[in-house]
Amino acid sequence: MRKRKFTESQIIGILKEGERGVSVPDLCRRHGIVNSTYYTWKSRYGGMTVAELKKLKELEDENRKLKNMYANLSLEHQILKDIVEKKL
């Protein structure tokens, strides 16, 4: 079976349909997903809006960049520390 990729906004739309009372089996059949996928999405994105999801993605990107910057600075600090210790 072909794996289909859904955008976050499509996923949230599907979850909103489920919140409005559409039965899960009917919803899954209509969108071509299995029940376990629906419940995985529900645990991950349940109760979120598209704007909240966008903000979350921005924060995750910023966090990743900051971790990368910290790792680089830490490595540079260790290298400089090793150089200073060798000169003494």
N, C-alpha and C. Protein backbone atom coordinates (compact mmCIF):
# COMPACT_ATOMS: atom_id res chain seq x y z
N MET A 1 0.84 -1.17 0.00
CA MET A 1 0.00 0.00 0.00
C MET A 1 0.89 1.24 0.00
N ARG A 2 0.52 2.24 -0.76
CA ARG A 2 1.27 3.47 -0.90
C ARG A 2 1.19 4.31 0.37
N LYS A 3 2.33 4.79 0.84
CA LYS A 3 2.35 5.62 2.04
C LYS A 3 1.99 7.04 1.63
N ARG A 4 1.00 7.62 2.30
CA ARG A 4 0.55 8.96 1.98
C ARG A 4 1.01 9.91 3.06
N LYS A 5 1.50 11.04 2.64
CA LYS A 5 2.01 12.04 3.56
C LYS A 5 0.95 13.13 3.74
N PHE A 6 0.57 13.38 4.98
CA PHE A 6 -0.39 14.43 5.29
C PHE A 6 0.35 15.61 5.92
N THR A 7 -0.09 16.81 5.59
CA THR A 7 0.48 17.98 6.25
C THR A 7 -0.12 18.10 7.64
N GLU A 8 0.53 18.91 8.47
CA GLU A 8 0.02 19.09 9.82
C GLU A 8 -1.38 19.70 9.81
N SER A 9 -1.62 20.63 8.91
CA SER A 9 -2.94 21.25 8.86
C SER A 9 -4.01 20.24 8.43
N GLN A 10 -3.65 19.31 7.53
CA GLN A 10 -4.59 18.26 7.13
C GLN A 10 -4.86 17.33 8.31
N ILE A 11 -3.83 17.01 9.05
CA ILE A 11 -3.98 16.12 10.21
C ILE A 11 -4.91 16.77 11.23
N ILE A 12 -4.69 18.04 11.50
CA ILE A 12 -5.54 18.74 12.48
C ILE A 12 -6.97 18.80 11.98
N GLY A 13 -7.16 18.99 10.67
CA GLY A 13 -8.51 18.97 10.10
C GLY A 13 -9.20 17.64 10.31
N ILE A 14 -8.47 16.55 10.10
CA ILE A 14 -9.03 15.21 10.30
C ILE A 14 -9.40 15.01 11.76
N LEU A 15 -8.52 15.46 12.67
CA LEU A 15 -8.81 15.32 14.09
C LEU A 15 -10.02 16.15 14.51
N LYS A 16 -10.18 17.32 13.91
CA LYS A 16 -11.35 18.16 14.21
C LYS A 16 -12.64 17.47 13.77
N GLU A 17 -12.58 16.76 12.64
CA GLU A 17 -13.75 15.99 12.20
C GLU A 17 -14.12 14.95 13.25
N GLY A 18 -13.10 14.30 13.79
CA GLY A 18 -13.35 13.30 14.82
C GLY A 18 -13.94 13.91 16.08
N GLU A 19 -13.52 15.12 16.41
CA GLU A 19 -14.07 15.80 17.59
C GLU A 19 -15.52 16.21 17.37
N ARG A 20 -15.91 16.42 16.11
CA ARG A 20 -17.28 16.82 15.82
C ARG A 20 -18.25 15.63 15.85
N GLY A 21 -17.73 14.44 16.08
CA GLY A 21 -18.62 13.31 16.25
C GLY A 21 -18.61 12.28 15.14
N VAL A 22 -17.79 12.46 14.12
CA VAL A 22 -17.69 11.46 13.06
C VAL A 22 -17.00 10.23 13.66
N SER A 23 -17.55 9.06 13.38
CA SER A 23 -16.96 7.85 13.96
C SER A 23 -15.56 7.62 13.39
N VAL A 24 -14.69 7.09 14.22
CA VAL A 24 -13.30 6.88 13.84
C VAL A 24 -13.16 5.94 12.64
N PRO A 25 -13.86 4.80 12.61
CA PRO A 25 -13.72 3.93 11.43
C PRO A 25 -14.14 4.61 10.12
N ASP A 26 -15.25 5.38 10.17
CA ASP A 26 -15.69 6.08 8.97
C ASP A 26 -14.68 7.14 8.55
N LEU A 27 -14.17 7.85 9.53
CA LEU A 27 -13.19 8.90 9.27
C LEU A 27 -11.92 8.32 8.65
N CYS A 28 -11.45 7.21 9.21
CA CYS A 28 -10.24 6.58 8.70
C CYS A 28 -10.44 6.04 7.29
N ARG A 29 -11.59 5.44 7.06
CA ARG A 29 -11.89 4.91 5.73
C ARG A 29 -11.94 6.04 4.71
N ARG A 30 -12.55 7.15 5.05
CA ARG A 30 -12.70 8.28 4.13
C ARG A 30 -11.35 8.88 3.75
N HIS A 31 -10.43 8.92 4.71
CA HIS A 31 -9.14 9.55 4.45
C HIS A 31 -8.03 8.54 4.12
N GLY A 32 -8.35 7.27 4.16
CA GLY A 32 -7.38 6.24 3.76
C GLY A 32 -6.28 6.01 4.78
N ILE A 33 -6.63 6.08 6.05
CA ILE A 33 -5.65 5.81 7.11
C ILE A 33 -6.18 4.69 7.99
N VAL A 34 -5.29 4.13 8.80
CA VAL A 34 -5.71 3.08 9.73
C VAL A 34 -6.01 3.71 11.09
N ASN A 35 -6.77 2.98 11.90
CA ASN A 35 -7.17 3.51 13.21
C ASN A 35 -5.97 3.88 14.07
N SER A 36 -4.93 3.08 14.03
CA SER A 36 -3.76 3.35 14.87
C SER A 36 -3.10 4.68 14.49
N THR A 37 -3.12 5.00 13.20
CA THR A 37 -2.57 6.28 12.76
C THR A 37 -3.39 7.43 13.33
N TYR A 38 -4.70 7.29 13.30
CA TYR A 38 -5.58 8.34 13.84
C TYR A 38 -5.27 8.57 15.32
N TYR A 39 -5.15 7.49 16.09
CA TYR A 39 -4.92 7.64 17.52
C TYR A 39 -3.50 8.15 17.81
N THR A 40 -2.54 7.81 16.97
CA THR A 40 -1.20 8.36 17.11
C THR A 40 -1.23 9.86 16.89
N TRP A 41 -1.92 10.28 15.83
CA TRP A 41 -2.07 11.72 15.56
C TRP A 41 -2.79 12.41 16.71
N LYS A 42 -3.80 11.75 17.23
CA LYS A 42 -4.59 12.35 18.31
C LYS A 42 -3.73 12.57 19.55
N SER A 43 -2.86 11.61 19.85
CA SER A 43 -2.00 11.78 21.02
C SER A 43 -0.95 12.86 20.78
N ARG A 44 -0.51 13.02 19.55
CA ARG A 44 0.52 14.00 19.23
C ARG A 44 -0.04 15.40 19.01
N TYR A 45 -1.15 15.51 18.27
CA TYR A 45 -1.67 16.81 17.86
C TYR A 45 -3.03 17.15 18.48
N GLY A 46 -3.56 16.28 19.33
CA GLY A 46 -4.90 16.48 19.87
C GLY A 46 -5.06 17.81 20.58
N GLY A 47 -6.10 18.55 20.23
CA GLY A 47 -6.41 19.81 20.87
C GLY A 47 -5.63 21.01 20.36
N MET A 48 -4.78 20.81 19.38
CA MET A 48 -3.98 21.91 18.86
C MET A 48 -4.68 22.56 17.67
N THR A 49 -4.38 23.85 17.48
CA THR A 49 -4.83 24.55 16.29
C THR A 49 -3.64 24.66 15.34
N VAL A 50 -3.90 25.08 14.12
CA VAL A 50 -2.84 25.23 13.13
C VAL A 50 -1.84 26.28 13.60
N ALA A 51 -2.33 27.37 14.19
CA ALA A 51 -1.44 28.43 14.67
C ALA A 51 -0.54 27.93 15.80
N GLU A 52 -1.10 27.15 16.71
CA GLU A 52 -0.30 26.58 17.80
C GLU A 52 0.76 25.63 17.26
N LEU A 53 0.39 24.85 16.27
CA LEU A 53 1.33 23.91 15.67
C LEU A 53 2.46 24.65 14.98
N LYS A 54 2.13 25.72 14.28
CA LYS A 54 3.15 26.53 13.61
C LYS A 54 4.11 27.13 14.63
N LYS A 55 3.58 27.64 15.74
CA LYS A 55 4.41 28.21 16.80
C LYS A 55 5.30 27.13 17.40
N LEU A 56 4.77 25.93 17.60
CA LEU A 56 5.55 24.82 18.14
C LEU A 56 6.70 24.47 17.22
N LYS A 57 6.44 24.41 15.91
CA LYS A 57 7.51 24.10 14.95
C LYS A 57 8.59 25.17 14.98
N GLU A 58 8.19 26.46 15.09
CA GLU A 58 9.17 27.54 15.17
C GLU A 58 10.03 27.41 16.41
N LEU A 59 9.40 27.08 17.54
CA LEU A 59 10.16 26.91 18.78
C LEU A 59 11.10 25.72 18.71
N GLU A 60 10.66 24.63 18.08
CA GLU A 60 11.53 23.47 17.93
C GLU A 60 12.73 23.80 17.05
N ASP A 61 12.51 24.56 15.97
CA ASP A 61 13.62 24.97 15.10
C ASP A 61 14.61 25.87 15.86
N GLU A 62 14.06 26.81 16.62
CA GLU A 62 14.93 27.70 17.39
C GLU A 62 15.73 26.91 18.43
N ASN A 63 15.08 25.96 19.08
CA ASN A 63 15.74 25.13 20.08
C ASN A 63 16.87 24.31 19.45
N ARG A 64 16.62 23.76 18.25
CA ARG A 64 17.64 22.99 17.55
C ARG A 64 18.84 23.86 17.21
N LYS A 65 18.58 25.09 16.73
CA LYS A 65 19.67 26.01 16.40
C LYS A 65 20.49 26.38 17.64
N LEU A 66 19.79 26.64 18.74
CA LEU A 66 20.49 27.00 19.98
C LEU A 66 21.35 25.84 20.50
N LYS A 67 20.84 24.62 20.41
CA LYS A 67 21.62 23.46 20.83
C LYS A 67 22.86 23.30 19.97
N ASN A 68 22.72 23.55 18.67
CA ASN A 68 23.85 23.46 17.75
C ASN A 68 24.89 24.53 18.08
N MET A 69 24.42 25.75 18.35
CA MET A 69 25.33 26.84 18.72
C MET A 69 26.08 26.50 20.01
N TYR A 70 25.37 25.97 20.99
CA TYR A 70 25.99 25.61 22.26
C TYR A 70 27.05 24.52 22.05
N ALA A 71 26.74 23.54 21.23
CA ALA A 71 27.70 22.46 20.99
C ALA A 71 28.96 23.01 20.32
N ASN A 72 28.80 23.90 19.36
CA ASN A 72 29.96 24.48 18.69
C ASN A 72 30.80 25.32 19.65
N LEU A 73 30.15 26.15 20.46
CA LEU A 73 30.88 26.97 21.42
C LEU A 73 31.58 26.12 22.48
N SER A 74 30.92 25.08 22.91
CA SER A 74 31.52 24.18 23.89
C SER A 74 32.76 23.50 23.32
N LEU A 75 32.70 23.09 22.08
CA LEU A 75 33.84 22.45 21.42
C LEU A 75 34.99 23.44 21.27
N GLU A 76 34.67 24.67 20.84
CA GLU A 76 35.71 25.69 20.71
C GLU A 76 36.35 25.99 22.07
N HIS A 77 35.53 26.07 23.11
CA HIS A 77 36.05 26.33 24.45
C HIS A 77 37.00 25.22 24.89
N GLN A 78 36.63 23.98 24.63
CA GLN A 78 37.47 22.85 25.02
C GLN A 78 38.79 22.88 24.25
N ILE A 79 38.75 23.21 22.98
CA ILE A 79 39.97 23.28 22.18
C ILE A 79 40.90 24.37 22.72
N LEU A 80 40.34 25.55 23.00
CA LEU A 80 41.14 26.65 23.54
C LEU A 80 41.71 26.29 24.91
N LYS A 81 40.94 25.61 25.71
CA LYS A 81 41.39 25.19 27.04
C LYS A 81 42.57 24.21 26.91
N ASP A 82 42.49 23.29 25.96
CA ASP A 82 43.58 22.34 25.73
C ASP A 82 44.84 23.06 25.26
N ILE A 83 44.69 24.07 24.41
CA ILE A 83 45.85 24.83 23.91
C ILE A 83 46.53 25.57 25.06
N VAL A 84 45.72 26.21 25.92
CA VAL A 84 46.30 26.96 27.04
C VAL A 84 47.02 26.02 28.01
N GLU A 85 46.48 24.85 28.26
CA GLU A 85 47.11 23.91 29.17
C GLU A 85 48.42 23.38 28.61
N LYS A 86 48.53 23.22 27.31
CA LYS A 86 49.78 22.74 26.70
C LYS A 86 50.88 23.79 26.79
N LYS A 87 50.51 25.07 26.74
CA LYS A 87 51.52 26.15 26.80
C LYS A 87 52.07 26.30 28.21
N LEU A 88 51.30 25.92 29.21
CA LEU A 88 51.77 26.07 30.58
C LEU A 88 52.61 24.91 30.93
